[in-house]
C-alpha atoms as a PDB file:
ATOM      1  CA  UNK A   1       0.333 -21.865  15.454  1.00  0.00           C
ATOM      2  CA  UNK A   2       0.408 -19.768  12.295  1.00  0.00           C
ATOM      3  CA  UNK A   3       1.210 -21.703   9.126  1.00  0.00           C
ATOM      4  CA  UNK A   4       1.066 -20.735   5.434  1.00  0.00           C
ATOM      5  CA  UNK A   5      -2.157 -22.742   5.162  1.00  0.00           C
ATOM      6  CA  UNK A   6      -4.020 -20.948   7.973  1.00  0.00           C
ATOM      7  CA  UNK A   7      -2.524 -17.439   7.920  1.00  0.00           C
ATOM      8  CA  UNK A   8      -5.843 -15.977   6.716  1.00  0.00           C
ATOM      9  CA  UNK A   9      -7.514 -17.029   9.966  1.00  0.00           C
ATOM     10  CA  UNK A  10      -4.876 -15.373  12.159  1.00  0.00           C
ATOM     11  CA  UNK A  11      -4.062 -11.882  13.310  1.00  0.00           C
ATOM     12  CA  UNK A  12      -1.375 -10.058  11.271  1.00  0.00           C
ATOM     13  CA  UNK A  13      -0.435  -7.673  14.089  1.00  0.00           C
ATOM     14  CA  UNK A  14       3.049  -8.516  15.332  1.00  0.00           C
ATOM     15  CA  UNK A  15       4.189 -10.250  12.141  1.00  0.00           C
ATOM     16  CA  UNK A  16       7.104  -8.971  10.069  1.00  0.00           C
ATOM     17  CA  UNK A  17       5.991  -7.808   6.634  1.00  0.00           C
ATOM     18  CA  UNK A  18       7.458  -6.383   3.446  1.00  0.00           C
ATOM     19  CA  UNK A  19       5.520  -4.680   0.643  1.00  0.00           C
ATOM     20  CA  UNK A  20       6.610  -6.490  -2.540  1.00  0.00           C
ATOM     21  CA  UNK A  21       4.327  -4.791  -5.080  1.00  0.00           C
ATOM     22  CA  UNK A  22       2.075  -1.763  -5.073  1.00  0.00           C
ATOM     23  CA  UNK A  23       0.403   0.543  -7.549  1.00  0.00           C
ATOM     24  CA  UNK A  24       2.191   3.403  -5.734  1.00  0.00           C
ATOM     25  CA  UNK A  25       5.981   3.117  -6.070  1.00  0.00           C
ATOM     26  CA  UNK A  26       6.526   4.823  -2.718  1.00  0.00           C
ATOM     27  CA  UNK A  27       5.107   1.829  -0.851  1.00  0.00           C
ATOM     28  CA  UNK A  28       7.308  -0.817  -2.514  1.00  0.00           C
ATOM     29  CA  UNK A  29      10.039  -2.035  -0.175  1.00  0.00           C
ATOM     30  CA  UNK A  30       8.460  -0.866   3.087  1.00  0.00           C
ATOM     31  CA  UNK A  31       9.259  -3.465   5.705  1.00  0.00           C
ATOM     32  CA  UNK A  32       8.856  -3.789   9.432  1.00  0.00           C
ATOM     33  CA  UNK A  33       6.353  -5.059  11.961  1.00  0.00           C
ATOM     34  CA  UNK A  34       2.573  -4.847  11.571  1.00  0.00           C
ATOM     35  CA  UNK A  35       1.211  -2.638  14.365  1.00  0.00           C
ATOM     36  CA  UNK A  36      -2.374  -2.093  13.190  1.00  0.00           C
ATOM     37  CA  UNK A  37      -4.826  -3.395  10.616  1.00  0.00           C
ATOM     38  CA  UNK A  38      -8.111  -2.007   9.359  1.00  0.00           C
ATOM     39  CA  UNK A  39     -10.456  -3.147   6.596  1.00  0.00           C
ATOM     40  CA  UNK A  40      -8.451  -1.391   3.886  1.00  0.00           C
ATOM     41  CA  UNK A  41      -4.992  -0.759   5.358  1.00  0.00           C
ATOM     42  CA  UNK A  42      -2.071  -2.303   7.177  1.00  0.00           C
ATOM     43  CA  UNK A  43       0.095  -0.049   9.357  1.00  0.00           C
ATOM     44  CA  UNK A  44       3.766  -1.031   9.382  1.00  0.00           C
ATOM     45  CA  UNK A  45       6.271   0.214  11.949  1.00  0.00           C
ATOM     46  CA  UNK A  46       9.610   0.696  10.206  1.00  0.00           C
ATOM     47  CA  UNK A  47      12.967   1.263  11.877  1.00  0.00           C
ATOM     48  CA  UNK A  48      13.778   4.343   9.789  1.00  0.00           C
ATOM     49  CA  UNK A  49      10.541   6.252   9.209  1.00  0.00           C
ATOM     50  CA  UNK A  50       8.170   5.314  12.021  1.00  0.00           C
ATOM     51  CA  UNK A  51       4.713   4.098  11.032  1.00  0.00           C
ATOM     52  CA  UNK A  52       3.551   3.789   7.410  1.00  0.00           C
ATOM     53  CA  UNK A  53      -0.040   3.052   6.393  1.00  0.00           C
ATOM     54  CA  UNK A  54      -0.237   0.835   3.286  1.00  0.00           C
ATOM     55  CA  UNK A  55      -3.469   0.146   1.357  1.00  0.00           C
ATOM     56  CA  UNK A  56      -4.281  -3.557   1.058  1.00  0.00           C
ATOM     57  CA  UNK A  57      -6.202  -3.544  -2.214  1.00  0.00           C
ATOM     58  CA  UNK A  58      -3.351  -2.340  -4.442  1.00  0.00           C
ATOM     59  CA  UNK A  59      -0.420  -4.065  -2.720  1.00  0.00           C
ATOM     60  CA  UNK A  60       1.175  -7.476  -2.375  1.00  0.00           C
ATOM     61  CA  UNK A  61       2.626  -8.369   1.017  1.00  0.00           C
ATOM     62  CA  UNK A  62       5.295 -10.841   2.069  1.00  0.00           C
ATOM     63  CA  UNK A  63       4.779 -11.978   5.672  1.00  0.00           C
ATOM     64  CA  UNK A  64       7.457 -13.756   7.700  1.00  0.00           C
ATOM     65  CA  UNK A  65       5.853 -16.217  10.105  1.00  0.00           C
ATOM     66  CA  UNK A  66       7.224 -17.002  13.586  1.00  0.00           C
ATOM     67  CA  UNK A  67       8.479 -20.410  12.377  1.00  0.00           C
ATOM     68  CA  UNK A  68      10.562 -18.705   9.657  1.00  0.00           C
ATOM     69  CA  UNK A  69       8.249 -19.492   6.724  1.00  0.00           C
ATOM     70  CA  UNK A  70       7.579 -16.698   4.240  1.00  0.00           C
ATOM     71  CA  UNK A  71       4.117 -16.218   2.703  1.00  0.00           C
ATOM     72  CA  UNK A  72       3.248 -13.806  -0.101  1.00  0.00           C
ATOM     73  CA  UNK A  73      -0.362 -12.590  -0.146  1.00  0.00           C
ATOM     74  CA  UNK A  74      -2.159 -10.336  -2.622  1.00  0.00           C
ATOM     75  CA  UNK A  75      -3.765  -7.560  -0.603  1.00  0.00           C
ATOM     76  CA  UNK A  76      -7.044  -7.757  -2.537  1.00  0.00           C
ATOM     77  CA  UNK A  77      -7.574 -11.206  -0.958  1.00  0.00           C
ATOM     78  CA  UNK A  78      -7.352  -9.869   2.605  1.00  0.00           C
ATOM     79  CA  UNK A  79      -9.493  -6.725   2.205  1.00  0.00           C
ATOM     80  CA  UNK A  80     -11.824  -7.171   5.174  1.00  0.00           C
ATOM     81  CA  UNK A  81     -12.015  -6.150   8.779  1.00  0.00           C
ATOM     82  CA  UNK A  82      -9.645  -8.379  10.757  1.00  0.00           C
ATOM     83  CA  UNK A  83     -12.448  -9.778  12.899  1.00  0.00           C
ATOM     84  CA  UNK A  84     -14.466 -10.679   9.787  1.00  0.00           C
ATOM     85  CA  UNK A  85     -11.481 -12.123   7.908  1.00  0.00           C
ATOM     86  CA  UNK A  86     -10.697 -14.476  10.776  1.00  0.00           C
ATOM     87  CA  UNK A  87     -14.223 -15.980  10.582  1.00  0.00           C
ATOM     88  CA  UNK A  88     -14.298 -16.182   6.773  1.00  0.00           C
ATOM     89  CA  UNK A  89     -13.679 -19.410   4.860  1.00  0.00           C
ATOM     90  CA  UNK A  90     -10.956 -19.135   2.208  1.00  0.00           C
ATOM     91  CA  UNK A  91     -10.261 -21.206  -0.842  1.00  0.00           C
ATOM     92  CA  UNK A  92      -6.677 -22.345  -1.180  1.00  0.00           C
ATOM     93  CA  UNK A  93      -4.489 -19.532  -2.510  1.00  0.00           C
ATOM     94  CA  UNK A  94      -1.121 -21.284  -2.265  1.00  0.00           C
END
């Protein structure tokens, strides 16, 4: 089960996400479902515009977990390939 404490060790694909902050104003406010993740980007499927690719390093994301909890994560913390991030040990960021 995904919780705010172990979200770093889980897959983001399928989670609802909103871009809260970004160095590029065009990315702020993008929300939808995560459909793909690479080392440096998260691809979000929106209802209006289709798929949008958002860089991790310069953005802050707000993920809604299946249990209804909301977690805000600085993208610079999750810059890694998904398979490497899942194995990595994280200090507490909450």
